[in-house]
C-alpha atoms as a PDB file:
ATOM      1  CA  MET A   1       0.025   0.230   0.309  1.00  0.00           C
ATOM      2  CA  LEU A   2       3.074   2.138   0.066  1.00  0.00           C
ATOM      3  CA  GLY A   3       2.497   5.294  -3.245  1.00  0.00           C
ATOM      4  CA  MET A   4      -0.927   5.548  -2.976  1.00  0.00           C
ATOM      5  CA  ASN A   5      -2.033   8.830  -2.403  1.00  0.00           C
ATOM      6  CA  HIS A   6      -5.557   9.360  -1.313  1.00  0.00           C
ATOM      7  CA  LYS A   7      -6.212  12.866  -1.954  1.00  0.00           C
ATOM      8  CA  ALA A   8      -9.769  13.974  -1.078  1.00  0.00           C
ATOM      9  CA  GLY A   9     -11.918  15.135  -4.400  1.00  0.00           C
ATOM     10  CA  PRO A  10     -13.202  19.246  -4.159  1.00  0.00           C
ATOM     11  CA  TYR A  11     -16.276  19.620  -2.775  1.00  0.00           C
ATOM     12  CA  VAL A  12     -18.943  20.854  -4.237  1.00  0.00           C
ATOM     13  CA  THR A  13     -21.220  23.334  -2.505  1.00  0.00           C
ATOM     14  CA  PRO A  14     -24.428  24.225  -3.460  1.00  0.00           C
ATOM     15  CA  MET A  15     -24.620  27.910  -5.177  1.00  0.00           C
ATOM     16  CA  ASP A  16     -25.732  30.539  -2.742  1.00  0.00           C
ATOM     17  CA  LEU A  17     -28.185  32.773  -4.865  1.00  0.00           C
ATOM     18  CA  THR A  18     -28.695  36.321  -3.327  1.00  0.00           C
ATOM     19  CA  THR A  19     -32.026  37.822  -2.736  1.00  0.00           C
ATOM     20  CA  LEU A  20     -31.550  39.991  -6.874  1.00  0.00           C
ATOM     21  CA  ASP A  21     -31.283  36.095  -7.981  1.00  0.00           C
ATOM     22  CA  TYR A  22     -34.495  35.086  -6.641  1.00  0.00           C
ATOM     23  CA  ILE A  23     -35.744  38.308  -8.336  1.00  0.00           C
ATOM     24  CA  ARG A  24     -34.179  38.391 -11.427  1.00  0.00           C
ATOM     25  CA  ILE A  25     -35.410  33.875 -11.568  1.00  0.00           C
ATOM     26  CA  SER A  26     -38.324  35.755 -10.642  1.00  0.00           C
ATOM     27  CA  ILE A  27     -39.194  37.818 -13.172  1.00  0.00           C
ATOM     28  CA  GLY A  28     -37.749  36.248 -16.347  1.00  0.00           C
ATOM     29  CA  ALA A  29     -39.802  33.688 -15.867  1.00  0.00           C
ATOM     30  CA  VAL A  30     -42.623  36.292 -16.054  1.00  0.00           C
ATOM     31  CA  ILE A  31     -41.369  36.758 -18.814  1.00  0.00           C
ATOM     32  CA  LEU A  32     -41.919  33.391 -20.396  1.00  0.00           C
ATOM     33  CA  LEU A  33     -45.300  32.673 -18.689  1.00  0.00           C
ATOM     34  CA  TYR A  34     -46.165  35.516 -21.382  1.00  0.00           C
ATOM     35  CA  VAL A  35     -44.239  34.652 -24.386  1.00  0.00           C
ATOM     36  CA  ALA A  36     -46.176  31.005 -24.244  1.00  0.00           C
ATOM     37  CA  ASN A  37     -49.814  32.751 -23.608  1.00  0.00           C
ATOM     38  CA  CYS A  38     -48.542  35.384 -26.608  1.00  0.00           C
ATOM     39  CA  LEU A  39     -47.986  31.792 -28.590  1.00  0.00           C
ATOM     40  CA  VAL A  40     -50.988  30.294 -27.943  1.00  0.00           C
ATOM     41  CA  ASN A  41     -53.461  32.745 -28.177  1.00  0.00           C
ATOM     42  CA  GLN A  42     -51.397  33.652 -31.005  1.00  0.00           C
ATOM     43  CA  ARG A  43     -51.668  37.615 -29.903  1.00  0.00           C
ATOM     44  CA  VAL A  44     -49.977  40.255 -28.513  1.00  0.00           C
ATOM     45  CA  TRP A  45     -50.305  43.466 -26.415  1.00  0.00           C
ATOM     46  CA  ILE A  46     -49.683  46.801 -28.146  1.00  0.00           C
ATOM     47  CA  ARG A  47     -49.217  49.833 -26.087  1.00  0.00           C
ATOM     48  CA  LYS A  48     -49.932  51.771 -28.916  1.00  0.00           C
ATOM     49  CA  THR A  49     -53.543  50.910 -29.356  1.00  0.00           C
ATOM     50  CA  PHE A  50     -52.963  49.415 -25.400  1.00  0.00           C
ATOM     51  CA  SER A  51     -55.531  46.586 -26.813  1.00  0.00           C
ATOM     52  CA  TRP A  52     -53.812  42.714 -27.904  1.00  0.00           C
ATOM     53  CA  GLY A  53     -53.550  42.842 -31.386  1.00  0.00           C
ATOM     54  CA  THR A  54     -53.826  39.611 -33.322  1.00  0.00           C
ATOM     55  CA  ARG A  55     -50.317  37.929 -35.329  1.00  0.00           C
ATOM     56  CA  GLU A  56     -51.574  38.836 -38.540  1.00  0.00           C
ATOM     57  CA  GLU A  57     -52.481  42.176 -37.698  1.00  0.00           C
ATOM     58  CA  TYR A  58     -49.013  42.970 -36.802  1.00  0.00           C
ATOM     59  CA  PRO A  59     -46.641  40.369 -37.840  1.00  0.00           C
ATOM     60  CA  LYS A  60     -43.629  42.222 -36.566  1.00  0.00           C
ATOM     61  CA  ILE A  61     -44.135  42.836 -33.338  1.00  0.00           C
ATOM     62  CA  PHE A  62     -45.404  39.328 -32.252  1.00  0.00           C
ATOM     63  CA  GLN A  63     -42.343  37.878 -34.301  1.00  0.00           C
ATOM     64  CA  MET A  64     -39.670  40.477 -32.128  1.00  0.00           C
ATOM     65  CA  ASN A  65     -41.669  40.046 -29.101  1.00  0.00           C
ATOM     66  CA  ILE A  66     -41.451  35.845 -29.299  1.00  0.00           C
ATOM     67  CA  ILE A  67     -37.133  35.867 -29.800  1.00  0.00           C
ATOM     68  CA  GLY A  68     -36.603  38.847 -28.165  1.00  0.00           C
ATOM     69  CA  GLY A  69     -38.752  37.627 -24.406  1.00  0.00           C
ATOM     70  CA  SER A  70     -37.382  34.427 -25.200  1.00  0.00           C
ATOM     71  CA  LEU A  71     -34.113  35.461 -24.987  1.00  0.00           C
ATOM     72  CA  ILE A  72     -34.532  37.892 -22.207  1.00  0.00           C
ATOM     73  CA  GLY A  73     -36.445  35.775 -20.270  1.00  0.00           C
ATOM     74  CA  LEU A  74     -33.995  32.704 -20.723  1.00  0.00           C
ATOM     75  CA  PHE A  75     -31.181  35.254 -19.668  1.00  0.00           C
ATOM     76  CA  LEU A  76     -32.665  36.174 -16.915  1.00  0.00           C
ATOM     77  CA  VAL A  77     -33.797  32.933 -15.349  1.00  0.00           C
ATOM     78  CA  ALA A  78     -30.853  30.893 -16.378  1.00  0.00           C
ATOM     79  CA  GLY A  79     -27.899  33.049 -15.836  1.00  0.00           C
ATOM     80  CA  PRO A  80     -27.861  32.576 -11.799  1.00  0.00           C
ATOM     81  CA  PHE A  81     -27.008  29.598 -12.934  1.00  0.00           C
ATOM     82  CA  LEU A  82     -23.850  30.157 -15.587  1.00  0.00           C
ATOM     83  CA  PHE A  83     -22.721  33.575 -13.929  1.00  0.00           C
END
């Protein structure tokens, strides 16, 4: 048994999430829920008219909301775990 070195493996600590991280995750989840609602109902909130508009009426705004909301929501939710 000579020559065997017993080294402890890397100690993995649980993530320490701050209150700000929980707020970011919550806001990201709300944004993703809004995106899911837009996709399911095929409608988007239009601030100009302060009402819901259909995908056919506002195709570019609908697409920007889906893509932008998905990216921002995923970044906010995954950010605390990645950085």
